Amino acid sequence: LCQAKLDIAFGTHHTKMMLLQYEEGFRVV
């Protein structure tokens, strides 16, 4: 687990992304 720092009140970590590392390469979703 990696905690995103939210130093300003009422903020959220709302990003929705996948980083996928393959034997064949790399993909971003």
PDB file of all heavy atoms in Angstrom:
ATOM      1  N   LEU A   1       0.837  -1.201   0.000  1.00  0.00           N
ATOM      2  CA  LEU A   1       0.000   0.000   0.000  1.00  0.00           C
ATOM      3  C   LEU A   1       0.870   1.249   0.000  1.00  0.00           C
ATOM      4  O   LEU A   1       1.924   1.283   0.636  1.00  0.00           O
ATOM      5  CB  LEU A   1      -0.922   0.012   1.222  1.00  0.00           C
ATOM      6  CG  LEU A   1      -1.915  -1.151   1.336  1.00  0.00           C
ATOM      7  CD1 LEU A   1      -2.716  -1.033   2.618  1.00  0.00           C
ATOM      8  CD2 LEU A   1      -2.841  -1.200   0.130  1.00  0.00           C
ATOM      9  N   CYS A   2       0.397   2.259  -0.709  1.00  0.00           N
ATOM     10  CA  CYS A   2       1.092   3.539  -0.775  1.00  0.00           C
ATOM     11  C   CYS A   2       0.067   4.633  -0.501  1.00  0.00           C
ATOM     12  O   CYS A   2      -0.917   4.764  -1.243  1.00  0.00           O
ATOM     13  CB  CYS A   2       1.726   3.737  -2.154  1.00  0.00           C
ATOM     14  SG  CYS A   2       2.474   5.359  -2.421  1.00  0.00           S
ATOM     15  N   GLN A   3       0.270   5.395   0.550  1.00  0.00           N
ATOM     16  CA  GLN A   3      -0.679   6.442   0.929  1.00  0.00           C
ATOM     17  C   GLN A   3      -0.327   7.754   0.242  1.00  0.00           C
ATOM     18  O   GLN A   3       0.775   8.265   0.368  1.00  0.00           O
ATOM     19  CB  GLN A   3      -0.675   6.648   2.446  1.00  0.00           C
ATOM     20  CG  GLN A   3      -1.655   7.709   2.922  1.00  0.00           C
ATOM     21  CD  GLN A   3      -1.588   7.936   4.420  1.00  0.00           C
ATOM     22  OE1 GLN A   3      -0.705   7.401   5.097  1.00  0.00           O
ATOM     23  NE2 GLN A   3      -2.506   8.718   4.949  1.00  0.00           N
ATOM     24  N   ALA A   4      -1.296   8.294  -0.492  1.00  0.00           N
ATOM     25  CA  ALA A   4      -1.135   9.611  -1.107  1.00  0.00           C
ATOM     26  C   ALA A   4      -1.326  10.677  -0.039  1.00  0.00           C
ATOM     27  O   ALA A   4      -2.289  10.625   0.727  1.00  0.00           O
ATOM     28  CB  ALA A   4      -2.145   9.793  -2.236  1.00  0.00           C
ATOM     29  N   LYS A   5      -0.434  11.645   0.005  1.00  0.00           N
ATOM     30  CA  LYS A   5      -0.519  12.703   1.004  1.00  0.00           C
ATOM     31  C   LYS A   5      -1.611  13.692   0.631  1.00  0.00           C
ATOM     32  O   LYS A   5      -1.659  14.178  -0.497  1.00  0.00           O
ATOM     33  CB  LYS A   5       0.826  13.405   1.133  1.00  0.00           C
ATOM     34  CG  LYS A   5       1.929  12.503   1.669  1.00  0.00           C
ATOM     35  CD  LYS A   5       3.260  13.236   1.765  1.00  0.00           C
ATOM     36  CE  LYS A   5       4.356  12.303   2.291  1.00  0.00           C
ATOM     37  NZ  LYS A   5       5.673  12.987   2.371  1.00  0.00           N
ATOM     38  N   LEU A   6      -2.478  13.966   1.579  1.00  0.00           N
ATOM     39  CA  LEU A   6      -3.577  14.912   1.387  1.00  0.00           C
ATOM     40  C   LEU A   6      -3.476  15.961   2.488  1.00  0.00           C
ATOM     41  O   LEU A   6      -4.095  15.845   3.544  1.00  0.00           O
ATOM     42  CB  LEU A   6      -4.925  14.184   1.428  1.00  0.00           C
ATOM     43  CG  LEU A   6      -5.184  13.227   0.263  1.00  0.00           C
ATOM     44  CD1 LEU A   6      -6.310  12.270   0.580  1.00  0.00           C
ATOM     45  CD2 LEU A   6      -5.487  14.006  -1.012  1.00  0.00           C
ATOM     46  N   ASP A   7      -2.667  16.967   2.233  1.00  0.00           N
ATOM     47  CA  ASP A   7      -2.349  17.947   3.267  1.00  0.00           C
ATOM     48  C   ASP A   7      -3.347  19.095   3.337  1.00  0.00           C
ATOM     49  O   ASP A   7      -3.307  19.880   4.281  1.00  0.00           O
ATOM     50  CB  ASP A   7      -0.942  18.505   3.036  1.00  0.00           C
ATOM     51  CG  ASP A   7       0.135  17.442   3.187  1.00  0.00           C
ATOM     52  OD1 ASP A   7      -0.082  16.510   3.985  1.00  0.00           O
ATOM     53  OD2 ASP A   7       1.163  17.525   2.495  1.00  0.00           O
ATOM     54  N   ILE A   8      -4.234  19.210   2.337  1.00  0.00           N
ATOM     55  CA  ILE A   8      -5.240  20.259   2.344  1.00  0.00           C
ATOM     56  C   ILE A   8      -6.577  19.632   2.733  1.00  0.00           C
ATOM     57  O   ILE A   8      -6.978  18.607   2.171  1.00  0.00           O
ATOM     58  CB  ILE A   8      -5.335  20.961   0.977  1.00  0.00           C
ATOM     59  CG1 ILE A   8      -3.981  21.585   0.618  1.00  0.00           C
ATOM     60  CG2 ILE A   8      -6.412  22.041   0.992  1.00  0.00           C
ATOM     61  CD1 ILE A   8      -3.954  22.289  -0.719  1.00  0.00           C
ATOM     62  N   ALA A   9      -7.249  20.237   3.680  1.00  0.00           N
ATOM     63  CA  ALA A   9      -8.482  19.655   4.237  1.00  0.00           C
ATOM     64  C   ALA A   9      -9.501  19.342   3.154  1.00  0.00           C
ATOM     65  O   ALA A   9      -9.666  20.093   2.193  1.00  0.00           O
ATOM     66  CB  ALA A   9      -9.092  20.629   5.250  1.00  0.00           C
ATOM     67  N   PHE A  10     -10.194  18.225   3.348  1.00  0.00           N
ATOM     68  CA  PHE A  10     -11.314  17.777   2.522  1.00  0.00           C
ATOM     69  C   PHE A  10     -10.903  17.356   1.109  1.00  0.00           C
ATOM     70  O   PHE A  10     -11.744  17.236   0.230  1.00  0.00           O
ATOM     71  CB  PHE A  10     -12.423  18.845   2.461  1.00  0.00           C
ATOM     72  CG  PHE A  10     -12.782  19.390   3.808  1.00  0.00           C
ATOM     73  CD1 PHE A  10     -12.658  20.738   4.082  1.00  0.00           C
ATOM     74  CD2 PHE A  10     -13.204  18.541   4.817  1.00  0.00           C
ATOM     75  CE1 PHE A  10     -12.960  21.242   5.338  1.00  0.00           C
ATOM     76  CE2 PHE A  10     -13.516  19.032   6.074  1.00  0.00           C
ATOM     77  CZ  PHE A  10     -13.399  20.383   6.336  1.00  0.00           C
ATOM     78  N   GLY A  11      -9.624  17.129   0.892  1.00  0.00           N
ATOM     79  CA  GLY A  11      -9.187  16.579  -0.384  1.00  0.00           C
ATOM     80  C   GLY A  11      -9.340  15.064  -0.400  1.00  0.00           C
ATOM     81  O   GLY A  11      -9.438  14.416   0.650  1.00  0.00           O
ATOM     82  N   THR A  12      -9.355  14.491  -1.587  1.00  0.00           N
ATOM     83  CA  THR A  12      -9.451  13.039  -1.731  1.00  0.00           C
ATOM     84  C   THR A  12      -8.448  12.552  -2.769  1.00  0.00           C
ATOM     85  O   THR A  12      -8.021  13.306  -3.650  1.00  0.00           O
ATOM     86  CB  THR A  12     -10.859  12.596  -2.193  1.00  0.00           C
ATOM     87  OG1 THR A  12     -11.135  13.161  -3.478  1.00  0.00           O
ATOM     88  CG2 THR A  12     -11.927  13.031  -1.208  1.00  0.00           C
ATOM     89  N   HIS A  13      -8.069  11.297  -2.656  1.00  0.00           N
ATOM     90  CA  HIS A  13      -7.293  10.666  -3.728  1.00  0.00           C
ATOM     91  C   HIS A  13      -8.301  10.010  -4.664  1.00  0.00           C
ATOM     92  O   HIS A  13      -8.715   8.869  -4.465  1.00  0.00           O
ATOM     93  CB  HIS A  13      -6.319   9.628  -3.174  1.00  0.00           C
ATOM     94  CG  HIS A  13      -5.479   9.008  -4.249  1.00  0.00           C
ATOM     95  ND1 HIS A  13      -5.739   7.773  -4.779  1.00  0.00           N
ATOM     96  CD2 HIS A  13      -4.403   9.498  -4.929  1.00  0.00           C
ATOM     97  CE1 HIS A  13      -4.847   7.508  -5.723  1.00  0.00           C
ATOM     98  NE2 HIS A  13      -4.028   8.536  -5.826  1.00  0.00           N
ATOM     99  N   HIS A  14      -8.708  10.746  -5.678  1.00  0.00           N
ATOM    100  CA  HIS A  14      -9.828  10.350  -6.530  1.00  0.00           C
ATOM    101  C   HIS A  14      -9.379   9.781  -7.870  1.00  0.00           C
ATOM    102  O   HIS A  14     -10.195   9.299  -8.655  1.00  0.00           O
ATOM    103  CB  HIS A  14     -10.737  11.564  -6.750  1.00  0.00           C
ATOM    104  CG  HIS A  14     -12.159  11.230  -7.021  1.00  0.00           C
ATOM    105  ND1 HIS A  14     -12.803  11.568  -8.186  1.00  0.00           N
ATOM    106  CD2 HIS A  14     -13.079  10.557  -6.281  1.00  0.00           C
ATOM    107  CE1 HIS A  14     -14.045  11.144  -8.151  1.00  0.00           C
ATOM    108  NE2 HIS A  14     -14.242  10.522  -7.007  1.00  0.00           N
ATOM    109  N   THR A  15      -8.085   9.835  -8.158  1.00  0.00           N
ATOM    110  CA  THR A  15      -7.539   9.300  -9.415  1.00  0.00           C
ATOM    111  C   THR A  15      -7.832   7.812  -9.537  1.00  0.00           C
ATOM    112  O   THR A  15      -7.767   7.069  -8.559  1.00  0.00           O
ATOM    113  CB  THR A  15      -6.023   9.539  -9.448  1.00  0.00           C
ATOM    114  OG1 THR A  15      -5.785  10.931  -9.615  1.00  0.00           O
ATOM    115  CG2 THR A  15      -5.354   8.763 -10.563  1.00  0.00           C
ATOM    116  N   LYS A  16      -8.132   7.393 -10.778  1.00  0.00           N
ATOM    117  CA  LYS A  16      -8.401   5.987 -11.064  1.00  0.00           C
ATOM    118  C   LYS A  16      -7.540   5.587 -12.260  1.00  0.00           C
ATOM    119  O   LYS A  16      -7.868   5.886 -13.399  1.00  0.00           O
ATOM    120  CB  LYS A  16      -9.889   5.780 -11.322  1.00  0.00           C
ATOM    121  CG  LYS A  16     -10.733   6.092 -10.070  1.00  0.00           C
ATOM    122  CD  LYS A  16     -12.190   6.268 -10.366  1.00  0.00           C
ATOM    123  CE  LYS A  16     -12.982   6.508  -9.087  1.00  0.00           C
ATOM    124  NZ  LYS A  16     -12.627   7.801  -8.445  1.00  0.00           N
ATOM    125  N   MET A  17      -6.447   4.913 -11.974  1.00  0.00           N
ATOM    126  CA  MET A  17      -5.474   4.553 -13.005  1.00  0.00           C
ATOM    127  C   MET A  17      -4.846   3.210 -12.685  1.00  0.00           C
ATOM    128  O   MET A  17      -4.688   2.849 -11.522  1.00  0.00           O
ATOM    129  CB  MET A  17      -4.384   5.630 -13.103  1.00  0.00           C
ATOM    130  CG  MET A  17      -3.258   5.295 -14.076  1.00  0.00           C
ATOM    131  SD  MET A  17      -2.119   6.670 -14.419  1.00  0.00           S
ATOM    132  CE  MET A  17      -1.360   6.913 -12.818  1.00  0.00           C
ATOM    133  N   MET A  18      -4.475   2.493 -13.740  1.00  0.00           N
ATOM    134  CA  MET A  18      -3.701   1.260 -13.619  1.00  0.00           C
ATOM    135  C   MET A  18      -2.401   1.421 -14.394  1.00  0.00           C
ATOM    136  O   MET A  18      -2.402   1.928 -15.520  1.00  0.00           O
ATOM    137  CB  MET A  18      -4.457   0.063 -14.209  1.00  0.00           C
ATOM    138  CG  MET A  18      -5.857  -0.147 -13.692  1.00  0.00           C
ATOM    139  SD  MET A  18      -6.614  -1.619 -14.466  1.00  0.00           S
ATOM    140  CE  MET A  18      -8.333  -1.400 -14.003  1.00  0.00           C
ATOM    141  N   LEU A  19      -1.302   1.006 -13.798  1.00  0.00           N
ATOM    142  CA  LEU A  19      -0.033   0.862 -14.492  1.00  0.00           C
ATOM    143  C   LEU A  19       0.262  -0.630 -14.557  1.00  0.00           C
ATOM    144  O   LEU A  19       0.345  -1.287 -13.513  1.00  0.00           O
ATOM    145  CB  LEU A  19       1.087   1.601 -13.754  1.00  0.00           C
ATOM    146  CG  LEU A  19       0.897   3.104 -13.544  1.00  0.00           C
ATOM    147  CD1 LEU A  19       2.083   3.684 -12.785  1.00  0.00           C
ATOM    148  CD2 LEU A  19       0.691   3.835 -14.860  1.00  0.00           C
ATOM    149  N   LEU A  20       0.410  -1.146 -15.756  1.00  0.00           N
ATOM    150  CA  LEU A  20       0.564  -2.586 -15.963  1.00  0.00           C
ATOM    151  C   LEU A  20       1.892  -2.856 -16.665  1.00  0.00           C
ATOM    152  O   LEU A  20       2.090  -2.460 -17.820  1.00  0.00           O
ATOM    153  CB  LEU A  20      -0.603  -3.127 -16.808  1.00  0.00           C
ATOM    154  CG  LEU A  20      -2.010  -2.813 -16.269  1.00  0.00           C
ATOM    155  CD1 LEU A  20      -3.077  -3.276 -17.269  1.00  0.00           C
ATOM    156  CD2 LEU A  20      -2.238  -3.466 -14.911  1.00  0.00           C
ATOM    157  N   GLN A  21       2.793  -3.507 -15.961  1.00  0.00           N
ATOM    158  CA  GLN A  21       4.086  -3.868 -16.541  1.00  0.00           C
ATOM    159  C   GLN A  21       4.037  -5.320 -16.999  1.00  0.00           C
ATOM    160  O   GLN A  21       3.704  -6.218 -16.217  1.00  0.00           O
ATOM    161  CB  GLN A  21       5.213  -3.674 -15.525  1.00  0.00           C
ATOM    162  CG  GLN A  21       6.592  -3.959 -16.099  1.00  0.00           C
ATOM    163  CD  GLN A  21       7.702  -3.801 -15.079  1.00  0.00           C
ATOM    164  OE1 GLN A  21       7.450  -3.630 -13.887  1.00  0.00           O
ATOM    165  NE2 GLN A  21       8.949  -3.857 -15.535  1.00  0.00           N
ATOM    166  N   TYR A  22       4.357  -5.516 -18.267  1.00  0.00           N
ATOM    167  CA  TYR A  22       4.324  -6.857 -18.867  1.00  0.00           C
ATOM    168  C   TYR A  22       5.735  -7.289 -19.261  1.00  0.00           C
ATOM    169  O   TYR A  22       6.650  -6.462 -19.379  1.00  0.00           O
ATOM    170  CB  TYR A  22       3.473  -6.855 -20.142  1.00  0.00           C
ATOM    171  CG  TYR A  22       2.057  -6.370 -20.003  1.00  0.00           C
ATOM    172  CD1 TYR A  22       1.673  -5.141 -20.555  1.00  0.00           C
ATOM    173  CD2 TYR A  22       1.094  -7.130 -19.358  1.00  0.00           C
ATOM    174  CE1 TYR A  22       0.365  -4.696 -20.471  1.00  0.00           C
ATOM    175  CE2 TYR A  22      -0.216  -6.692 -19.270  1.00  0.00           C
ATOM    176  CZ  TYR A  22      -0.578  -5.474 -19.825  1.00  0.00           C
ATOM    177  OH  TYR A  22      -1.874  -5.038 -19.740  1.00  0.00           O
ATOM    178  N   GLU A  23       5.862  -8.569 -19.527  1.00  0.00           N
ATOM    179  CA  GLU A  23       7.082  -9.059 -20.155  1.00  0.00           C
ATOM    180  C   GLU A  23       7.263  -8.413 -21.523  1.00  0.00           C
ATOM    181  O   GLU A  23       8.383  -8.163 -21.959  1.00  0.00           O
ATOM    182  CB  GLU A  23       7.020 -10.586 -20.295  1.00  0.00           C
ATOM    183  CG  GLU A  23       7.019 -11.337 -18.970  1.00  0.00           C
ATOM    184  CD  GLU A  23       6.868 -12.830 -19.151  1.00  0.00           C
ATOM    185  OE1 GLU A  23       6.894 -13.285 -20.322  1.00  0.00           O
ATOM    186  OE2 GLU A  23       6.731 -13.557 -18.148  1.00  0.00           O
ATOM    187  N   GLU A  24       6.136  -8.110 -22.182  1.00  0.00           N
ATOM    188  CA  GLU A  24       6.181  -7.573 -23.550  1.00  0.00           C
ATOM    189  C   GLU A  24       6.254  -6.048 -23.597  1.00  0.00           C
ATOM    190  O   GLU A  24       6.462  -5.476 -24.680  1.00  0.00           O
ATOM    191  CB  GLU A  24       4.934  -8.013 -24.331  1.00  0.00           C
ATOM    192  CG  GLU A  24       4.750  -9.509 -24.428  1.00  0.00           C
ATOM    193  CD  GLU A  24       3.990 -10.114 -23.225  1.00  0.00           C
ATOM    194  OE1 GLU A  24       3.725  -9.369 -22.250  1.00  0.00           O
ATOM    195  OE2 GLU A  24       3.662 -11.315 -23.289  1.00  0.00           O
ATOM    196  N   GLY A  25       6.037  -5.370 -22.467  1.00  0.00           N
ATOM    197  CA  GLY A  25       6.025  -3.919 -22.513  1.00  0.00           C
ATOM    198  C   GLY A  25       5.280  -3.319 -21.323  1.00  0.00           C
ATOM    199  O   GLY A  25       5.331  -3.856 -20.212  1.00  0.00           O
ATOM    200  N   PHE A  26       4.556  -2.232 -21.589  1.00  0.00           N
ATOM    201  CA  PHE A  26       3.945  -1.446 -20.520  1.00  0.00           C
ATOM    202  C   PHE A  26       2.628  -0.874 -21.019  1.00  0.00           C
ATOM    203  O   PHE A  26       2.481  -0.541 -22.202  1.00  0.00           O
ATOM    204  CB  PHE A  26       4.890  -0.304 -20.128  1.00  0.00           C
ATOM    205  CG  PHE A  26       4.547   0.407 -18.861  1.00  0.00           C
ATOM    206  CD1 PHE A  26       4.999  -0.053 -17.633  1.00  0.00           C
ATOM    207  CD2 PHE A  26       3.762   1.555 -18.873  1.00  0.00           C
ATOM    208  CE1 PHE A  26       4.696   0.605 -16.455  1.00  0.00           C
ATOM    209  CE2 PHE A  26       3.452   2.222 -17.709  1.00  0.00           C
ATOM    210  CZ  PHE A  26       3.919   1.756 -16.491  1.00  0.00           C
ATOM    211  N   ARG A  27       1.643  -0.757 -20.090  1.00  0.00           N
ATOM    212  CA  ARG A  27       0.353  -0.195 -20.486  1.00  0.00           C
ATOM    213  C   ARG A  27      -0.170   0.702 -19.357  1.00  0.00           C
ATOM    214  O   ARG A  27       0.038   0.443 -18.167  1.00  0.00           O
ATOM    215  CB  ARG A  27      -0.672  -1.304 -20.775  1.00  0.00           C
ATOM    216  CG  ARG A  27      -1.897  -0.807 -21.535  1.00  0.00           C
ATOM    217  CD  ARG A  27      -2.951  -1.898 -21.703  1.00  0.00           C
ATOM    218  NE  ARG A  27      -2.473  -3.118 -22.322  1.00  0.00           N
ATOM    219  CZ  ARG A  27      -2.339  -3.282 -23.633  1.00  0.00           C
ATOM    220  NH1 ARG A  27      -2.600  -2.296 -24.466  1.00  0.00           N
ATOM    221  NH2 ARG A  27      -1.937  -4.450 -24.118  1.00  0.00           N
ATOM    222  N   VAL A  28      -0.871   1.770 -19.760  1.00  0.00           N
ATOM    223  CA  VAL A  28      -1.527   2.686 -18.830  1.00  0.00           C
ATOM    224  C   VAL A  28      -3.028   2.612 -19.084  1.00  0.00           C
ATOM    225  O   VAL A  28      -3.479   2.648 -20.238  1.00  0.00           O
ATOM    226  CB  VAL A  28      -1.036   4.132 -19.022  1.00  0.00           C
ATOM    227  CG1 VAL A  28      -1.743   5.077 -18.054  1.00  0.00           C
ATOM    228  CG2 VAL A  28       0.473   4.215 -18.852  1.00  0.00           C
ATOM    229  N   VAL A  29      -3.806   2.512 -18.012  1.00  0.00           N
ATOM    230  CA  VAL A  29      -5.265   2.512 -18.111  1.00  0.00           C
ATOM    231  C   VAL A  29      -5.773   3.626 -17.199  1.00  0.00           C
ATOM    232  O   VAL A  29      -5.497   3.623 -15.995  1.00  0.00           O
ATOM    233  CB  VAL A  29      -5.874   1.162 -17.681  1.00  0.00           C
ATOM    234  CG1 VAL A  29      -7.389   1.182 -17.860  1.00  0.00           C
ATOM    235  CG2 VAL A  29      -5.249   0.010 -18.462  1.00  0.00           C
TER     236      VAL A  29
END
